C-alpha atoms as a PDB file:
ATOM      1  CA  MET A   1     247.509-138.948  97.607  1.00  0.00           C
ATOM      2  CA  ALA A   2     245.498-137.904  94.576  1.00  0.00           C
ATOM      3  CA  ALA A   3     246.548-134.454  93.357  1.00  0.00           C
ATOM      4  CA  ALA A   4     245.999-132.018  90.503  1.00  0.00           C
ATOM      5  CA  LEU A   5     249.478-130.820  89.565  1.00  0.00           C
ATOM      6  CA  ILE A   6     250.026-130.881  85.797  1.00  0.00           C
ATOM      7  CA  LYS A   7     253.263-130.441  83.841  1.00  0.00           C
ATOM      8  CA  LEU A   8     252.883-128.690  80.484  1.00  0.00           C
ATOM      9  CA  PRO A   9     254.768-130.562  77.726  1.00  0.00           C
ATOM     10  CA  ALA A  10     257.051-128.700  75.318  1.00  0.00           C
ATOM     11  CA  GLU A  11     254.666-129.150  72.369  1.00  0.00           C
ATOM     12  CA  LEU A  12     252.034-127.057  74.156  1.00  0.00           C
ATOM     13  CA  PHE A  13     254.179-123.954  73.701  1.00  0.00           C
ATOM     14  CA  ALA A  14     253.260-123.837  70.020  1.00  0.00           C
ATOM     15  CA  LEU A  15     250.400-121.442  69.209  1.00  0.00           C
ATOM     16  CA  ALA A  16     246.900-122.980  69.328  1.00  0.00           C
ATOM     17  CA  GLU A  17     248.166-126.306  70.659  1.00  0.00           C
ATOM     18  CA  GLY A  18     246.102-127.990  73.328  1.00  0.00           C
ATOM     19  CA  SER A  19     246.092-130.997  75.635  1.00  0.00           C
ATOM     20  CA  ARG A  20     243.612-132.697  77.927  1.00  0.00           C
ATOM     21  CA  PHE A  21     244.465-133.664  81.479  1.00  0.00           C
ATOM     22  CA  GLU A  22     242.412-135.619  83.992  1.00  0.00           C
ATOM     23  CA  GLY A  23     242.794-137.054  87.444  1.00  0.00           C
ATOM     24  CA  ARG A  24     241.536-137.285  91.018  1.00  0.00           C
ATOM     25  CA  LEU A  25     242.032-134.893  93.918  1.00  0.00           C
ATOM     26  CA  ASP A  26     241.694-135.575  97.644  1.00  0.00           C
ATOM     27  CA  VAL A  27     239.884-132.549  99.073  1.00  0.00           C
ATOM     28  CA  GLY A  28     238.437-134.002 102.273  1.00  0.00           C
ATOM     29  CA  GLU A  29     236.394-130.970 103.286  1.00  0.00           C
ATOM     30  CA  LEU A  30     234.874-127.793 101.903  1.00  0.00           C
ATOM     31  CA  ARG A  31     233.736-124.931 104.135  1.00  0.00           C
ATOM     32  CA  LEU A  32     231.169-122.310 103.194  1.00  0.00           C
ATOM     33  CA  GLY A  33     230.297-119.898 105.987  1.00  0.00           C
ATOM     34  CA  PRO A  34     229.332-121.913 109.073  1.00  0.00           C
ATOM     35  CA  ASP A  35     228.763-125.122 107.090  1.00  0.00           C
ATOM     36  CA  SER A  36     231.293-127.911 106.625  1.00  0.00           C
ATOM     37  CA  TYR A  37     230.930-130.362 103.724  1.00  0.00           C
ATOM     38  CA  ARG A  38     232.635-133.760 103.822  1.00  0.00           C
ATOM     39  CA  LEU A  39     234.034-135.236 100.620  1.00  0.00           C
ATOM     40  CA  ASP A  40     234.597-138.895 101.461  1.00  0.00           C
ATOM     41  CA  GLU A  41     235.706-139.766  97.935  1.00  0.00           C
ATOM     42  CA  PRO A  42     238.296-137.977  95.767  1.00  0.00           C
ATOM     43  CA  VAL A  43     237.109-135.337  93.332  1.00  0.00           C
ATOM     44  CA  THR A  44     237.325-136.453  89.704  1.00  0.00           C
ATOM     45  CA  TRP A  45     238.351-133.771  87.232  1.00  0.00           C
ATOM     46  CA  GLU A  46     239.285-133.162  83.604  1.00  0.00           C
ATOM     47  CA  ALA A  47     240.627-130.014  81.991  1.00  0.00           C
ATOM     48  CA  ASP A  48     241.692-128.798  78.565  1.00  0.00           C
ATOM     49  CA  VAL A  49     244.757-126.539  78.350  1.00  0.00           C
ATOM     50  CA  THR A  50     245.061-124.385  75.217  1.00  0.00           C
ATOM     51  CA  ASN A  51     247.850-122.029  74.121  1.00  0.00           C
ATOM     52  CA  THR A  52     246.235-118.706  73.141  1.00  0.00           C
ATOM     53  CA  GLY A  53     249.517-117.018  72.264  1.00  0.00           C
ATOM     54  CA  GLU A  54     249.820-114.874  75.368  1.00  0.00           C
ATOM     55  CA  ALA A  55     248.632-117.430  77.890  1.00  0.00           C
ATOM     56  CA  PHE A  56     247.457-120.952  78.616  1.00  0.00           C
ATOM     57  CA  LEU A  57     243.683-121.142  78.943  1.00  0.00           C
ATOM     58  CA  VAL A  58     242.481-123.821  81.347  1.00  0.00           C
ATOM     59  CA  ALA A  59     238.859-124.981  81.076  1.00  0.00           C
ATOM     60  CA  GLY A  60     237.301-128.093  82.569  1.00  0.00           C
ATOM     61  CA  VAL A  61     234.937-129.621  85.105  1.00  0.00           C
ATOM     62  CA  ALA A  62     235.198-131.297  88.490  1.00  0.00           C
ATOM     63  CA  HIS A  63     232.728-133.787  89.966  1.00  0.00           C
ATOM     64  CA  ALA A  64     232.242-134.525  93.648  1.00  0.00           C
ATOM     65  CA  THR A  65     229.726-135.729  96.229  1.00  0.00           C
ATOM     66  CA  ALA A  66     229.582-133.619  99.380  1.00  0.00           C
ATOM     67  CA  ARG A  67     227.764-134.396 102.627  1.00  0.00           C
ATOM     68  CA  THR A  68     226.676-132.098 105.415  1.00  0.00           C
ATOM     69  CA  GLU A  69     223.803-131.606 107.889  1.00  0.00           C
ATOM     70  CA  CYS A  70     220.424-130.088 107.111  1.00  0.00           C
ATOM     71  CA  ALA A  71     220.233-126.611 108.617  1.00  0.00           C
ATOM     72  CA  ARG A  72     216.743-127.342 110.000  1.00  0.00           C
ATOM     73  CA  CYS A  73     216.570-130.998 111.095  1.00  0.00           C
ATOM     74  CA  LEU A  74     220.292-131.948 111.169  1.00  0.00           C
ATOM     75  CA  SER A  75     219.780-135.023 108.986  1.00  0.00           C
ATOM     76  CA  THR A  76     222.492-135.882 106.453  1.00  0.00           C
ATOM     77  CA  VAL A  77     222.271-133.980 103.181  1.00  0.00           C
ATOM     78  CA  GLU A  78     224.089-135.228 100.080  1.00  0.00           C
ATOM     79  CA  GLU A  79     224.960-132.803  97.294  1.00  0.00           C
ATOM     80  CA  SER A  80     226.176-133.882  93.847  1.00  0.00           C
ATOM     81  CA  LEU A  81     228.478-131.139  92.603  1.00  0.00           C
ATOM     82  CA  THR A  82     229.756-130.291  89.136  1.00  0.00           C
ATOM     83  CA  GLY A  83     232.059-127.294  89.298  1.00  0.00           C
ATOM     84  CA  SER A  84     233.797-125.391  86.520  1.00  0.00           C
ATOM     85  CA  ILE A  85     237.592-125.262  86.329  1.00  0.00           C
ATOM     86  CA  GLU A  86     238.735-121.940  84.892  1.00  0.00           C
ATOM     87  CA  GLY A  87     242.211-120.442  84.711  1.00  0.00           C
ATOM     88  CA  TYR A  88     244.377-118.133  82.590  1.00  0.00           C
ATOM     89  CA  PHE A  89     248.164-118.372  82.941  1.00  0.00           C
ATOM     90  CA  LEU A  90     250.342-115.780  81.208  1.00  0.00           C
ATOM     91  CA  ILE A  91     253.363-117.144  79.356  1.00  0.00           C
ATOM     92  CA  ASP A  92     255.440-113.956  79.592  1.00  0.00           C
ATOM     93  CA  PRO A  93     256.458-113.425  83.241  1.00  0.00           C
ATOM     94  CA  GLU A  94     256.937-109.705  82.555  1.00  0.00           C
ATOM     95  CA  GLN A  95     253.331-109.174  81.462  1.00  0.00           C
ATOM     96  CA  ARG A  96     251.292-107.484  84.173  1.00  0.00           C
ATOM     97  CA  THR A  97     247.879-106.813  82.611  1.00  0.00           C
ATOM     98  CA  VAL A  98     245.342-108.512  80.362  1.00  0.00           C
ATOM     99  CA  ASP A  99     242.699-106.607  78.397  1.00  0.00           C
ATOM    100  CA  GLY A 100     239.250-107.141  79.875  1.00  0.00           C
ATOM    101  CA  MET A 101     240.501-108.942  82.993  1.00  0.00           C
ATOM    102  CA  GLU A 102     240.999-107.926  86.599  1.00  0.00           C
ATOM    103  CA  GLY A 103     244.254-108.741  88.338  1.00  0.00           C
ATOM    104  CA  ASP A 104     242.727-111.654  90.277  1.00  0.00           C
ATOM    105  CA  GLU A 105     241.416-113.295  87.102  1.00  0.00           C
ATOM    106  CA  PHE A 106     244.786-114.475  85.759  1.00  0.00           C
ATOM    107  CA  ASP A 107     248.136-115.819  86.947  1.00  0.00           C
ATOM    108  CA  VAL A 108     251.656-116.097  85.558  1.00  0.00           C
ATOM    109  CA  LEU A 109     252.840-119.530  84.425  1.00  0.00           C
ATOM    110  CA  PRO A 110     255.418-120.808  86.931  1.00  0.00           C
ATOM    111  CA  ALA A 111     258.979-121.124  85.673  1.00  0.00           C
ATOM    112  CA  ASN A 112     258.833-124.924  86.027  1.00  0.00           C
ATOM    113  CA  HIS A 113     255.787-125.015  83.704  1.00  0.00           C
ATOM    114  CA  GLN A 114     253.690-126.795  86.325  1.00  0.00           C
ATOM    115  CA  ILE A 115     250.152-125.695  87.115  1.00  0.00           C
ATOM    116  CA  ASP A 116     248.418-126.645  90.351  1.00  0.00           C
ATOM    117  CA  LEU A 117     244.738-127.037  89.505  1.00  0.00           C
ATOM    118  CA  ALA A 118     243.693-127.691  93.123  1.00  0.00           C
ATOM    119  CA  PRO A 119     242.748-124.047  93.896  1.00  0.00           C
ATOM    120  CA  LEU A 120     240.762-123.818  90.661  1.00  0.00           C
ATOM    121  CA  ILE A 121     238.941-127.083  91.397  1.00  0.00           C
ATOM    122  CA  THR A 122     238.123-126.033  94.959  1.00  0.00           C
ATOM    123  CA  ALA A 123     236.868-122.623  93.812  1.00  0.00           C
ATOM    124  CA  GLY A 124     234.599-124.213  91.209  1.00  0.00           C
ATOM    125  CA  LEU A 125     233.063-126.631  93.709  1.00  0.00           C
ATOM    126  CA  LEU A 126     232.502-123.911  96.301  1.00  0.00           C
ATOM    127  CA  MET A 127     230.437-121.986  93.757  1.00  0.00           C
ATOM    128  CA  GLU A 128     228.054-124.952  93.530  1.00  0.00           C
ATOM    129  CA  LEU A 129     227.367-125.356  97.252  1.00  0.00           C
ATOM    130  CA  PRO A 130     223.942-124.200  98.508  1.00  0.00           C
ATOM    131  CA  GLY A 131     223.808-121.129 100.715  1.00  0.00           C
ATOM    132  CA  VAL A 132     221.636-123.033 103.209  1.00  0.00           C
ATOM    133  CA  PRO A 133     221.800-126.852 103.077  1.00  0.00           C
ATOM    134  CA  LEU A 134     218.354-128.445 103.380  1.00  0.00           C
ATOM    135  CA  CYS A 135     217.192-132.050 103.115  1.00  0.00           C
ATOM    136  CA  SER A 136     214.122-130.657 101.297  1.00  0.00           C
ATOM    137  CA  GLU A 137     212.630-127.240 100.659  1.00  0.00           C
ATOM    138  CA  ASP A 138     209.661-128.018 102.942  1.00  0.00           C
ATOM    139  CA  CYS A 139     211.717-129.487 105.804  1.00  0.00           C
ATOM    140  CA  ALA A 140     209.753-128.908 109.032  1.00  0.00           C
ATOM    141  CA  GLY A 141     212.875-128.906 111.204  1.00  0.00           C
ATOM    142  CA  LEU A 142     213.098-129.850 114.885  1.00  0.00           C
ATOM    143  CA  CYS A 143     210.686-129.013 117.680  1.00  0.00           C
ATOM    144  CA  PRO A 144     212.266-126.109 119.589  1.00  0.00           C
ATOM    145  CA  SER A 145     210.990-127.563 122.869  1.00  0.00           C
ATOM    146  CA  CYS A 146     211.805-131.279 122.768  1.00  0.00           C
ATOM    147  CA  GLY A 147     214.020-131.572 119.664  1.00  0.00           C
ATOM    148  CA  ALA A 148     211.815-134.118 117.890  1.00  0.00           C
ATOM    149  CA  ASP A 149     212.068-134.318 114.089  1.00  0.00           C
ATOM    150  CA  LEU A 150     208.821-132.703 112.904  1.00  0.00           C
ATOM    151  CA  ASN A 151     209.243-134.284 109.464  1.00  0.00           C
ATOM    152  CA  GLU A 152     208.123-137.525 111.126  1.00  0.00           C
ATOM    153  CA  GLY A 153     204.923-135.941 112.441  1.00  0.00           C
ATOM    154  CA  PRO A 154     203.798-133.777 115.387  1.00  0.00           C
ATOM    155  CA  CYS A 155     205.851-134.217 118.531  1.00  0.00           C
ATOM    156  CA  ALA A 156     204.434-135.527 121.823  1.00  0.00           C
ATOM    157  CA  CYS A 157     205.242-132.420 123.844  1.00  0.00           C
ATOM    158  CA  GLY A 158     202.769-130.248 121.956  1.00  0.00           C
ATOM    159  CA  GLY A 159     205.269-127.428 121.684  1.00  0.00           C
ATOM    160  CA  ASP A 160     205.839-124.426 123.902  1.00  0.00           C
ATOM    161  CA  PRO A 161     202.803-122.076 124.078  1.00  0.00           C
ATOM    162  CA  ALA A 162     205.145-119.153 124.685  1.00  0.00           C
ATOM    163  CA  LEU A 163     206.801-119.830 121.346  1.00  0.00           C
ATOM    164  CA  ASP A 164     203.411-119.902 119.624  1.00  0.00           C
ATOM    165  CA  ASP A 165     202.525-116.539 121.213  1.00  0.00           C
ATOM    166  CA  PHE A 166     205.856-115.121 120.061  1.00  0.00           C
ATOM    167  CA  ALA A 167     205.297-116.378 116.502  1.00  0.00           C
ATOM    168  CA  GLN A 168     201.848-114.799 116.409  1.00  0.00           C
ATOM    169  CA  ALA A 169     203.141-111.504 117.795  1.00  0.00           C
ATOM    170  CA  ALA A 170     205.951-111.487 115.227  1.00  0.00           C
ATOM    171  CA  HIS A 171     203.472-111.751 112.362  1.00  0.00           C
ATOM    172  CA  PRO A 172     203.677-108.517 110.301  1.00  0.00           C
ATOM    173  CA  PHE A 173     199.896-108.016 110.506  1.00  0.00           C
ATOM    174  CA  ALA A 174     199.535-108.891 114.196  1.00  0.00           C
ATOM    175  CA  ALA A 175     198.521-105.310 115.043  1.00  0.00           C
ATOM    176  CA  LEU A 176     195.507-105.590 112.725  1.00  0.00           C
ATOM    177  CA  ARG A 177     194.193-108.702 114.440  1.00  0.00           C
ATOM    178  CA  GLY A 178     190.750-107.931 115.904  1.00  0.00           C
ATOM    179  CA  LEU A 179     190.504-104.556 114.203  1.00  0.00           C
ATOM    180  CA  SER A 180     186.972-103.854 112.919  1.00  0.00           C
ATOM    181  CA  LEU A 181     186.984-102.391 109.433  1.00  0.00           C
ATOM    182  CA  ALA A 182     184.203-100.280 107.869  1.00  0.00           C
ATOM    183  CA  GLY A 183     183.616-102.954 105.284  1.00  0.00           C
ATOM    184  CA  ASP A 184     182.769-105.434 108.054  1.00  0.00           C
ATOM    185  CA  ALA A 185     179.482-103.691 109.065  1.00  0.00           C
ATOM    186  CA  GLN A 186     176.783-106.165 110.061  1.00  0.00           C
ATOM    187  CA  PRO A 187     173.086-106.087 109.084  1.00  0.00           C
ATOM    188  CA  GLY A 188     171.188-103.669 111.294  1.00  0.00           C
ATOM    189  CA  ASP A 189     174.079-101.246 111.716  1.00  0.00           C
ATOM    190  CA  THR A 190     173.081 -97.585 111.264  1.00  0.00           C
ATOM    191  CA  ALA A 191     174.388 -96.143 108.017  1.00  0.00           C
ATOM    192  CA  VAL A 192     175.505 -92.542 107.761  1.00  0.00           C
ATOM    193  CA  ASP A 193     173.962 -90.511 104.931  1.00  0.00           C
ATOM    194  CA  GLU A 194     176.921 -88.853 103.241  1.00  0.00           C
ATOM    195  CA  GLY A 195     174.558 -86.237 101.773  1.00  0.00           C
ATOM    196  CA  SER A 196     173.246 -84.991 105.133  1.00  0.00           C
ATOM    197  CA  GLY A 197     174.870 -81.953 106.662  1.00  0.00           C
ATOM    198  CA  GLY A 198     175.121 -80.703 110.208  1.00  0.00           C
ATOM    199  CA  ASN A 199     172.416 -77.995 109.648  1.00  0.00           C
ATOM    200  CA  GLY A 200     169.645 -80.485 108.937  1.00  0.00           C
ATOM    201  CA  GLY A 201     169.196 -79.078 105.422  1.00  0.00           C
ATOM    202  CA  GLY A 202     168.098 -81.069 102.430  1.00  0.00           C
ATOM    203  CA  GLY A 203     164.324 -80.580 102.792  1.00  0.00           C
ATOM    204  CA  ALA A 204     162.083 -79.224 100.021  1.00  0.00           C
ATOM    205  CA  SER A 205     161.826 -75.476  99.799  1.00  0.00           C
END
């Protein structure tokens, strides 16, 4: 099984030394909220590990192709992902804090000097997944009455009139429908003279 466990060589423990690692990782599936993404092929990854003096900085990228279903029409959606691999592993096991970092932004290097990049790779790919998977931004979805794919054209059932009425009623300006506004006065309507008062005044003295 392809994995992402790297062993740091002794020469990396010299200040400013660095090494590049690469490989493949079998992920199989990613889940984001209610959506499940299939990864039929292993993730390919590469990462540079650099000794900063207090820690090993891990920086790299992971590439994967993920497949899921469109949230509207249920057709297969394919996403090409390029996620960032980021990690910071303290060399001194007694160190508890890092300036400018929260506690969940760094780890301590294991005593066996092996780093499992799998969680970092998975986290980077998850950040690249869409919140709502769509086959296209203008996907018309499925007919709520007969289930036909409306991307292929209007369905034969003509839709449910009750659903159309509901959609019209849900419109934010539905209450204004049919309302006659002052600006809509038709020719022949009687205009009100703003200068006339209730006492019939306004004549010459």
